[in-house]
């Protein structure tokens, strides 16, 4: 089964609330086998909408990434991000 990348592009509008999201999301992602590859580091925007925070996590499969997103733990964390950030999130299967 191919691994998958969880790719988020984020503009944080409320850093305090978003920090609560990040803490809970980190725990939920780890619990579902996710590992961070990039998390808010340097980037160069070449096309599209610029978001100041970019996050990439690898999961064992697309299904595990979606399971994480739908989990009670992640949804509880996500409640802190609502209204605290503008986000785009996609899960992409990696090439084997």
PDB file of N, CA and C in Angstrom:
ATOM      1  N   UNK A   1       0.854  -1.183   0.000  1.00  0.00           N
ATOM      2  CA  UNK A   1       0.000   0.000   0.000  1.00  0.00           C
ATOM      3  C   UNK A   1       0.895   1.240   0.000  1.00  0.00           C
ATOM      4  N   UNK A   2       0.535   2.205  -0.828  1.00  0.00           N
ATOM      5  CA  UNK A   2       1.334   3.424  -0.953  1.00  0.00           C
ATOM      6  C   UNK A   2       1.124   4.351   0.241  1.00  0.00           C
ATOM      7  N   UNK A   3       2.196   5.024   0.621  1.00  0.00           N
ATOM      8  CA  UNK A   3       2.099   6.035   1.665  1.00  0.00           C
ATOM      9  C   UNK A   3       1.402   7.272   1.094  1.00  0.00           C
ATOM     10  N   UNK A   4       1.038   8.194   1.980  1.00  0.00           N
ATOM     11  CA  UNK A   4       0.319   9.389   1.556  1.00  0.00           C
ATOM     12  C   UNK A   4       0.865  10.613   2.261  1.00  0.00           C
ATOM     13  N   UNK A   5       0.750  11.740   1.588  1.00  0.00           N
ATOM     14  CA  UNK A   5       1.159  13.018   2.153  1.00  0.00           C
ATOM     15  C   UNK A   5      -0.067  13.859   2.472  1.00  0.00           C
ATOM     16  N   UNK A   6      -0.073  14.402   3.683  1.00  0.00           N
ATOM     17  CA  UNK A   6      -1.097  15.331   4.160  1.00  0.00           C
ATOM     18  C   UNK A   6      -0.444  16.693   3.996  1.00  0.00           C
ATOM     19  N   UNK A   7      -0.995  17.534   3.133  1.00  0.00           N
ATOM     20  CA  UNK A   7      -0.379  18.811   2.795  1.00  0.00           C
ATOM     21  C   UNK A   7      -1.339  19.932   3.167  1.00  0.00           C
ATOM     22  N   UNK A   8      -0.901  20.798   4.061  1.00  0.00           N
ATOM     23  CA  UNK A   8      -1.722  21.921   4.514  1.00  0.00           C
ATOM     24  C   UNK A   8      -1.022  23.233   4.198  1.00  0.00           C
ATOM     25  N   UNK A   9      -1.802  24.168   3.679  1.00  0.00           N
ATOM     26  CA  UNK A   9      -1.332  25.532   3.436  1.00  0.00           C
ATOM     27  C   UNK A   9      -2.207  26.427   4.306  1.00  0.00           C
ATOM     28  N   UNK A  10      -1.574  27.216   5.166  1.00  0.00           N
ATOM     29  CA  UNK A  10      -2.316  27.890   6.232  1.00  0.00           C
ATOM     30  C   UNK A  10      -1.887  29.351   6.377  1.00  0.00           C
ATOM     31  N   UNK A  11      -2.871  30.219   6.598  1.00  0.00           N
ATOM     32  CA  UNK A  11      -2.629  31.575   7.066  1.00  0.00           C
ATOM     33  C   UNK A  11      -3.240  31.654   8.458  1.00  0.00           C
ATOM     34  N   UNK A  12      -2.405  31.827   9.457  1.00  0.00           N
ATOM     35  CA  UNK A  12      -2.862  31.891  10.847  1.00  0.00           C
ATOM     36  C   UNK A  12      -3.349  33.307  11.143  1.00  0.00           C
ATOM     37  N   UNK A  13      -4.574  33.402  11.675  1.00  0.00           N
ATOM     38  CA  UNK A  13      -5.146  34.703  12.022  1.00  0.00           C
ATOM     39  C   UNK A  13      -5.258  34.912  13.531  1.00  0.00           C
ATOM     40  N   UNK A  14      -5.168  33.826  14.297  1.00  0.00           N
ATOM     41  CA  UNK A  14      -5.209  33.906  15.765  1.00  0.00           C
ATOM     42  C   UNK A  14      -4.168  32.918  16.304  1.00  0.00           C
ATOM     43  N   UNK A  15      -2.932  33.388  16.535  1.00  0.00           N
ATOM     44  CA  UNK A  15      -1.849  32.494  16.937  1.00  0.00           C
ATOM     45  C   UNK A  15      -2.111  31.717  18.232  1.00  0.00           C
ATOM     46  N   UNK A  16      -2.769  32.318  19.199  1.00  0.00           N
ATOM     47  CA  UNK A  16      -3.021  31.626  20.469  1.00  0.00           C
ATOM     48  C   UNK A  16      -3.952  30.433  20.271  1.00  0.00           C
ATOM     49  N   UNK A  17      -5.041  30.641  19.563  1.00  0.00           N
ATOM     50  CA  UNK A  17      -5.985  29.544  19.307  1.00  0.00           C
ATOM     51  C   UNK A  17      -5.337  28.499  18.410  1.00  0.00           C
ATOM     52  N   UNK A  18      -4.572  28.948  17.432  1.00  0.00           N
ATOM     53  CA  UNK A  18      -3.949  28.000  16.512  1.00  0.00           C
ATOM     54  C   UNK A  18      -2.908  27.139  17.217  1.00  0.00           C
ATOM     55  N   UNK A  19      -2.261  27.678  18.218  1.00  0.00           N
ATOM     56  CA  UNK A  19      -1.294  26.898  19.001  1.00  0.00           C
ATOM     57  C   UNK A  19      -2.002  25.732  19.702  1.00  0.00           C
ATOM     58  N   UNK A  20      -3.217  25.949  20.154  1.00  0.00           N
ATOM     59  CA  UNK A  20      -3.992  24.864  20.771  1.00  0.00           C
ATOM     60  C   UNK A  20      -4.325  23.801  19.733  1.00  0.00           C
ATOM     61  N   UNK A  21      -4.679  24.245  18.525  1.00  0.00           N
ATOM     62  CA  UNK A  21      -4.912  23.301  17.432  1.00  0.00           C
ATOM     63  C   UNK A  21      -3.651  22.483  17.171  1.00  0.00           C
ATOM     64  N   UNK A  22      -2.513  23.159  17.017  1.00  0.00           N
ATOM     65  CA  UNK A  22      -1.266  22.483  16.659  1.00  0.00           C
ATOM     66  C   UNK A  22      -0.884  21.412  17.676  1.00  0.00           C
ATOM     67  N   UNK A  23      -1.086  21.697  18.950  1.00  0.00           N
ATOM     68  CA  UNK A  23      -0.759  20.721  19.988  1.00  0.00           C
ATOM     69  C   UNK A  23      -1.630  19.473  19.845  1.00  0.00           C
ATOM     70  N   UNK A  24      -2.932  19.659  19.733  1.00  0.00           N
ATOM     71  CA  UNK A  24      -3.831  18.525  19.602  1.00  0.00           C
ATOM     72  C   UNK A  24      -3.648  17.781  18.290  1.00  0.00           C
ATOM     73  N   UNK A  25      -3.411  18.526  17.204  1.00  0.00           N
ATOM     74  CA  UNK A  25      -3.218  17.901  15.896  1.00  0.00           C
ATOM     75  C   UNK A  25      -1.945  17.059  15.883  1.00  0.00           C
ATOM     76  N   UNK A  26      -0.902  17.548  16.510  1.00  0.00           N
ATOM     77  CA  UNK A  26       0.357  16.793  16.575  1.00  0.00           C
ATOM     78  C   UNK A  26       0.127  15.435  17.221  1.00  0.00           C
ATOM     79  N   UNK A  27      -0.595  15.420  18.310  1.00  0.00           N
ATOM     80  CA  UNK A  27      -0.874  14.165  19.017  1.00  0.00           C
ATOM     81  C   UNK A  27      -1.740  13.239  18.173  1.00  0.00           C
ATOM     82  N   UNK A  28      -2.769  13.771  17.534  1.00  0.00           N
ATOM     83  CA  UNK A  28      -3.663  12.951  16.706  1.00  0.00           C
ATOM     84  C   UNK A  28      -2.926  12.382  15.500  1.00  0.00           C
ATOM     85  N   UNK A  29      -2.107  13.196  14.862  1.00  0.00           N
ATOM     86  CA  UNK A  29      -1.356  12.745  13.693  1.00  0.00           C
ATOM     87  C   UNK A  29      -0.402  11.620  14.078  1.00  0.00           C
ATOM     88  N   UNK A  30       0.319  11.781  15.162  1.00  0.00           N
ATOM     89  CA  UNK A  30       1.243  10.734  15.626  1.00  0.00           C
ATOM     90  C   UNK A  30       0.487   9.445  15.959  1.00  0.00           C
ATOM     91  N   UNK A  31      -0.677   9.573  16.574  1.00  0.00           N
ATOM     92  CA  UNK A  31      -1.470   8.400  16.954  1.00  0.00           C
ATOM     93  C   UNK A  31      -1.954   7.605  15.743  1.00  0.00           C
ATOM     94  N   UNK A  32      -1.989   8.255  14.582  1.00  0.00           N
ATOM     95  CA  UNK A  32      -2.432   7.575  13.362  1.00  0.00           C
ATOM     96  C   UNK A  32      -1.269   7.255  12.425  1.00  0.00           C
ATOM     97  N   UNK A  33      -0.066   7.253  12.966  1.00  0.00           N
ATOM     98  CA  UNK A  33       1.103   6.857  12.186  1.00  0.00           C
ATOM     99  C   UNK A  33       1.694   7.944  11.326  1.00  0.00           C
ATOM    100  N   UNK A  34       1.254   9.186  11.526  1.00  0.00           N
ATOM    101  CA  UNK A  34       1.780  10.288  10.738  1.00  0.00           C
ATOM    102  C   UNK A  34       3.086  10.823  11.298  1.00  0.00           C
ATOM    103  N   UNK A  35       3.959  11.240  10.398  1.00  0.00           N
ATOM    104  CA  UNK A  35       5.218  11.879  10.790  1.00  0.00           C
ATOM    105  C   UNK A  35       5.379  13.162   9.970  1.00  0.00           C
ATOM    106  N   UNK A  36       5.871  14.201  10.610  1.00  0.00           N
ATOM    107  CA  UNK A  36       6.023  15.481   9.932  1.00  0.00           C
ATOM    108  C   UNK A  36       7.293  15.502   9.087  1.00  0.00           C
ATOM    109  N   UNK A  37       7.152  15.997   7.860  1.00  0.00           N
ATOM    110  CA  UNK A  37       8.287  16.187   6.957  1.00  0.00           C
ATOM    111  C   UNK A  37       8.636  17.667   6.842  1.00  0.00           C
ATOM    112  N   UNK A  38       7.625  18.516   6.948  1.00  0.00           N
ATOM    113  CA  UNK A  38       7.819  19.971   6.907  1.00  0.00           C
ATOM    114  C   UNK A  38       6.754  20.587   7.799  1.00  0.00           C
ATOM    115  N   UNK A  39       7.158  21.634   8.500  1.00  0.00           N
ATOM    116  CA  UNK A  39       6.215  22.240   9.438  1.00  0.00           C
ATOM    117  C   UNK A  39       6.567  23.702   9.660  1.00  0.00           C
ATOM    118  N   UNK A  40       6.093  24.558   8.762  1.00  0.00           N
ATOM    119  CA  UNK A  40       6.268  25.993   8.942  1.00  0.00           C
ATOM    120  C   UNK A  40       7.649  26.514   8.640  1.00  0.00           C
ATOM    121  N   UNK A  41       8.467  25.772   7.919  1.00  0.00           N
ATOM    122  CA  UNK A  41       9.818  26.225   7.607  1.00  0.00           C
ATOM    123  C   UNK A  41       9.863  27.161   6.406  1.00  0.00           C
ATOM    124  N   UNK A  42      11.065  27.388   5.941  1.00  0.00           N
ATOM    125  CA  UNK A  42      11.268  28.253   4.771  1.00  0.00           C
ATOM    126  C   UNK A  42      10.543  27.679   3.568  1.00  0.00           C
ATOM    127  N   UNK A  43      10.065  28.573   2.713  1.00  0.00           N
ATOM    128  CA  UNK A  43       9.421  28.149   1.478  1.00  0.00           C
ATOM    129  C   UNK A  43       9.541  29.257   0.449  1.00  0.00           C
ATOM    130  N   UNK A  44       9.298  28.903  -0.796  1.00  0.00           N
ATOM    131  CA  UNK A  44       9.257  29.865  -1.891  1.00  0.00           C
ATOM    132  C   UNK A  44       7.940  29.643  -2.615  1.00  0.00           C
ATOM    133  N   UNK A  45       7.095  30.660  -2.665  1.00  0.00           N
ATOM    134  CA  UNK A  45       5.807  30.566  -3.359  1.00  0.00           C
ATOM    135  C   UNK A  45       6.040  30.842  -4.832  1.00  0.00           C
ATOM    136  N   UNK A  46       5.815  29.860  -5.681  1.00  0.00           N
ATOM    137  CA  UNK A  46       6.043  30.035  -7.111  1.00  0.00           C
ATOM    138  C   UNK A  46       4.757  30.280  -7.888  1.00  0.00           C
ATOM    139  N   UNK A  47       3.647  29.701  -7.448  1.00  0.00           N
ATOM    140  CA  UNK A  47       2.363  29.895  -8.107  1.00  0.00           C
ATOM    141  C   UNK A  47       1.255  29.803  -7.073  1.00  0.00           C
ATOM    142  N   UNK A  48       0.085  30.311  -7.417  1.00  0.00           N
ATOM    143  CA  UNK A  48      -1.092  30.139  -6.580  1.00  0.00           C
ATOM    144  C   UNK A  48      -1.119  31.079  -5.383  1.00  0.00           C
ATOM    145  N   UNK A  49      -1.997  30.728  -4.439  1.00  0.00           N
ATOM    146  CA  UNK A  49      -2.211  31.544  -3.247  1.00  0.00           C
ATOM    147  C   UNK A  49      -1.121  31.325  -2.219  1.00  0.00           C
ATOM    148  N   UNK A  50      -0.545  32.410  -1.755  1.00  0.00           N
ATOM    149  CA  UNK A  50       0.502  32.336  -0.738  1.00  0.00           C
ATOM    150  C   UNK A  50      -0.122  32.158   0.638  1.00  0.00           C
ATOM    151  N   UNK A  51       0.329  31.171   1.371  1.00  0.00           N
ATOM    152  CA  UNK A  51      -0.052  30.955   2.766  1.00  0.00           C
ATOM    153  C   UNK A  51       1.257  30.870   3.537  1.00  0.00           C
ATOM    154  N   UNK A  52       1.339  31.569   4.642  1.00  0.00           N
ATOM    155  CA  UNK A  52       2.620  31.700   5.352  1.00  0.00           C
ATOM    156  C   UNK A  52       3.051  30.451   6.106  1.00  0.00           C
ATOM    157  N   UNK A  53       2.156  29.485   6.280  1.00  0.00           N
ATOM    158  CA  UNK A  53       2.516  28.262   7.005  1.00  0.00           C
ATOM    159  C   UNK A  53       2.189  27.061   6.119  1.00  0.00           C
ATOM    160  N   UNK A  54       3.168  26.205   5.915  1.00  0.00           N
ATOM    161  CA  UNK A  54       2.999  25.022   5.084  1.00  0.00           C
ATOM    162  C   UNK A  54       3.440  23.810   5.887  1.00  0.00           C
ATOM    163  N   UNK A  55       2.594  22.781   5.885  1.00  0.00           N
ATOM    164  CA  UNK A  55       2.842  21.588   6.688  1.00  0.00           C
ATOM    165  C   UNK A  55       2.676  20.357   5.801  1.00  0.00           C
ATOM    166  N   UNK A  56       3.633  19.435   5.908  1.00  0.00           N
ATOM    167  CA  UNK A  56       3.543  18.166   5.190  1.00  0.00           C
ATOM    168  C   UNK A  56       3.801  17.056   6.199  1.00  0.00           C
ATOM    169  N   UNK A  57       2.880  16.089   6.225  1.00  0.00           N
ATOM    170  CA  UNK A  57       3.047  14.907   7.078  1.00  0.00           C
ATOM    171  C   UNK A  57       2.868  13.666   6.215  1.00  0.00           C
ATOM    172  N   UNK A  58       3.632  12.634   6.503  1.00  0.00           N
ATOM    173  CA  UNK A  58       3.497  11.360   5.788  1.00  0.00           C
ATOM    174  C   UNK A  58       2.705  10.387   6.646  1.00  0.00           C
ATOM    175  N   UNK A  59       1.765   9.707   6.021  1.00  0.00           N
ATOM    176  CA  UNK A  59       0.963   8.670   6.671  1.00  0.00           C
ATOM    177  C   UNK A  59       1.188   7.341   5.962  1.00  0.00           C
ATOM    178  N   UNK A  60       0.894   6.233   6.637  1.00  0.00           N
ATOM    179  CA  UNK A  60       1.067   4.918   6.013  1.00  0.00           C
ATOM    180  C   UNK A  60       0.187   4.708   4.778  1.00  0.00           C
ATOM    181  N   UNK A  61      -0.929   5.447   4.671  1.00  0.00           N
ATOM    182  CA  UNK A  61      -1.838   5.303   3.530  1.00  0.00           C
ATOM    183  C   UNK A  61      -2.793   6.490   3.496  1.00  0.00           C
ATOM    184  N   UNK A  62      -3.461   6.661   2.378  1.00  0.00           N
ATOM    185  CA  UNK A  62      -4.506   7.677   2.282  1.00  0.00           C
ATOM    186  C   UNK A  62      -5.572   7.408   3.334  1.00  0.00           C
ATOM    187  N   UNK A  63      -5.926   6.129   3.482  1.00  0.00           N
ATOM    188  CA  UNK A  63      -6.974   5.759   4.437  1.00  0.00           C
ATOM    189  C   UNK A  63      -6.608   6.153   5.863  1.00  0.00           C
ATOM    190  N   UNK A  64      -5.342   5.956   6.260  1.00  0.00           N
ATOM    191  CA  UNK A  64      -4.922   6.338   7.620  1.00  0.00           C
ATOM    192  C   UNK A  64      -4.965   7.850   7.809  1.00  0.00           C
ATOM    193  N   UNK A  65      -4.613   8.598   6.765  1.00  0.00           N
ATOM    194  CA  UNK A  65      -4.668  10.067   6.856  1.00  0.00           C
ATOM    195  C   UNK A  65      -6.107  10.536   7.014  1.00  0.00           C
ATOM    196  N   UNK A  66      -7.015   9.959   6.249  1.00  0.00           N
ATOM    197  CA  UNK A  66      -8.431  10.338   6.344  1.00  0.00           C
ATOM    198  C   UNK A  66      -9.004   9.887   7.683  1.00  0.00           C
ATOM    199  N   UNK A  67      -8.589   8.710   8.146  1.00  0.00           N
ATOM    200  CA  UNK A  67      -9.015   8.228   9.472  1.00  0.00           C
ATOM    201  C   UNK A  67      -8.571   9.208  10.556  1.00  0.00           C
ATOM    202  N   UNK A  68      -7.352   9.718  10.441  1.00  0.00           N
ATOM    203  CA  UNK A  68      -6.856  10.705  11.396  1.00  0.00           C
ATOM    204  C   UNK A  68      -7.727  11.953  11.359  1.00  0.00           C
ATOM    205  N   UNK A  69      -7.981  12.464  10.157  1.00  0.00           N
ATOM    206  CA  UNK A  69      -8.780  13.685  10.024  1.00  0.00           C
ATOM    207  C   UNK A  69     -10.149  13.522  10.673  1.00  0.00           C
ATOM    208  N   UNK A  70     -10.758  12.372  10.484  1.00  0.00           N
ATOM    209  CA  UNK A  70     -12.103  12.120  11.004  1.00  0.00           C
ATOM    210  C   UNK A  70     -12.136  11.685  12.462  1.00  0.00           C
ATOM    211  N   UNK A  71     -10.969  11.479  13.065  1.00  0.00           N
ATOM    212  CA  UNK A  71     -10.917  10.999  14.452  1.00  0.00           C
ATOM    213  C   UNK A  71     -11.425  12.056  15.429  1.00  0.00           C
ATOM    214  N   UNK A  72     -11.910  11.594  16.559  1.00  0.00           N
ATOM    215  CA  UNK A  72     -12.394  12.504  17.601  1.00  0.00           C
ATOM    216  C   UNK A  72     -11.280  13.425  18.076  1.00  0.00           C
ATOM    217  N   UNK A  73     -10.071  12.893  18.209  1.00  0.00           N
ATOM    218  CA  UNK A  73      -8.954  13.707  18.698  1.00  0.00           C
ATOM    219  C   UNK A  73      -8.608  14.829  17.728  1.00  0.00           C
ATOM    220  N   UNK A  74      -8.561  14.514  16.428  1.00  0.00           N
ATOM    221  CA  UNK A  74      -8.221  15.555  15.462  1.00  0.00           C
ATOM    222  C   UNK A  74      -9.352  16.575  15.349  1.00  0.00           C
ATOM    223  N   UNK A  75     -10.590  16.118  15.350  1.00  0.00           N
ATOM    224  CA  UNK A  75     -11.717  17.039  15.251  1.00  0.00           C
ATOM    225  C   UNK A  75     -11.774  17.979  16.465  1.00  0.00           C
ATOM    226  N   UNK A  76     -11.400  17.473  17.630  1.00  0.00           N
ATOM    227  CA  UNK A  76     -11.336  18.332  18.824  1.00  0.00           C
ATOM    228  C   UNK A  76     -10.264  19.401  18.643  1.00  0.00           C
ATOM    229  N   UNK A  77      -9.114  19.008  18.091  1.00  0.00           N
ATOM    230  CA  UNK A  77      -8.052  19.982  17.829  1.00  0.00           C
ATOM    231  C   UNK A  77      -8.494  20.986  16.772  1.00  0.00           C
ATOM    232  N   UNK A  78      -9.140  20.477  15.721  1.00  0.00           N
ATOM    233  CA  UNK A  78      -9.560  21.321  14.612  1.00  0.00           C
ATOM    234  C   UNK A  78     -10.537  22.411  15.053  1.00  0.00           C
ATOM    235  N   UNK A  79     -11.290  22.155  16.085  1.00  0.00           N
ATOM    236  CA  UNK A  79     -12.219  23.168  16.604  1.00  0.00           C
ATOM    237  C   UNK A  79     -11.478  24.449  16.982  1.00  0.00           C
ATOM    238  N   UNK A  80     -10.217  24.331  17.417  1.00  0.00           N
ATOM    239  CA  UNK A  80      -9.413  25.509  17.777  1.00  0.00           C
ATOM    240  C   UNK A  80      -8.954  26.281  16.539  1.00  0.00           C
ATOM    241  N   UNK A  81      -8.823  25.586  15.409  1.00  0.00           N
ATOM    242  CA  UNK A  81      -8.364  26.234  14.173  1.00  0.00           C
ATOM    243  C   UNK A  81      -9.486  26.993  13.479  1.00  0.00           C
ATOM    244  N   UNK A  82     -10.718  26.581  13.704  1.00  0.00           N
ATOM    245  CA  UNK A  82     -11.863  27.251  13.077  1.00  0.00           C
ATOM    246  C   UNK A  82     -11.899  28.703  13.556  1.00  0.00           C
ATOM    247  N   UNK A  83     -11.859  29.620  12.622  1.00  0.00           N
ATOM    248  CA  UNK A  83     -11.845  31.034  12.966  1.00  0.00           C
ATOM    249  C   UNK A  83     -10.477  31.556  13.354  1.00  0.00           C
ATOM    250  N   UNK A  84      -9.492  30.661  13.440  1.00  0.00           N
ATOM    251  CA  UNK A  84      -8.133  31.065  13.818  1.00  0.00           C
ATOM    252  C   UNK A  84      -7.161  30.949  12.653  1.00  0.00           C
ATOM    253  N   UNK A  85      -7.662  30.473  11.508  1.00  0.00           N
ATOM    254  CA  UNK A  85      -6.790  30.291  10.355  1.00  0.00           C
ATOM    255  C   UNK A  85      -7.632  30.100   9.098  1.00  0.00           C
ATOM    256  N   UNK A  86      -7.016  30.431   7.978  1.00  0.00           N
ATOM    257  CA  UNK A  86      -7.561  30.101   6.662  1.00  0.00           C
ATOM    258  C   UNK A  86      -6.686  28.962   6.167  1.00  0.00           C
ATOM    259  N   UNK A  87      -7.319  27.823   5.818  1.00  0.00           N
ATOM    260  CA  UNK A  87      -6.540  26.616   5.527  1.00  0.00           C
ATOM    261  C   UNK A  87      -7.007  25.919   4.258  1.00  0.00           C
ATOM    262  N   UNK A  88      -6.068  25.300   3.597  1.00  0.00           N
ATOM    263  CA  UNK A  88      -6.327  24.343   2.545  1.00  0.00           C
ATOM    264  C   UNK A  88      -5.632  23.063   2.967  1.00  0.00           C
ATOM    265  N   UNK A  89      -6.302  21.929   2.822  1.00  0.00           N
ATOM    266  CA  UNK A  89      -5.728  20.646   3.240  1.00  0.00           C
ATOM    267  C   UNK A  89      -6.058  19.599   2.187  1.00  0.00           C
ATOM    268  N   UNK A  90      -5.051  18.863   1.767  1.00  0.00           N
ATOM    269  CA  UNK A  90      -5.240  17.801   0.795  1.00  0.00           C
ATOM    270  C   UNK A  90      -4.403  16.601   1.228  1.00  0.00           C
ATOM    271  N   UNK A  91      -4.884  15.404   0.920  1.00  0.00           N
ATOM    272  CA  UNK A  91      -4.125  14.178   1.134  1.00  0.00           C
ATOM    273  C   UNK A  91      -3.839  13.603  -0.247  1.00  0.00           C
ATOM    274  N   UNK A  92      -2.565  13.310  -0.525  1.00  0.00           N
ATOM    275  CA  UNK A  92      -2.136  12.837  -1.827  1.00  0.00           C
ATOM    276  C   UNK A  92      -1.361  11.533  -1.662  1.00  0.00           C
ATOM    277  N   UNK A  93      -1.744  10.530  -2.428  1.00  0.00           N
ATOM    278  CA  UNK A  93      -1.010   9.267  -2.395  1.00  0.00           C
ATOM    279  C   UNK A  93       0.344   9.451  -3.064  1.00  0.00           C
ATOM    280  N   UNK A  94       1.384   8.905  -2.431  1.00  0.00           N
ATOM    281  CA  UNK A  94       2.726   8.996  -2.992  1.00  0.00           C
ATOM    282  C   UNK A  94       2.930   7.944  -4.083  1.00  0.00           C
ATOM    283  N   UNK A  95       3.843   8.223  -4.976  1.00  0.00           N
ATOM    284  CA  UNK A  95       4.227   7.283  -6.011  1.00  0.00           C
ATOM    285  C   UNK A  95       5.049   6.185  -5.379  1.00  0.00           C
ATOM    286  N   UNK A  96       4.748   4.953  -5.712  1.00  0.00           N
ATOM    287  CA  UNK A  96       5.505   3.826  -5.145  1.00  0.00           C
ATOM    288  C   UNK A  96       6.813   3.639  -5.871  1.00  0.00           C
TER     289      UNK A  96
END
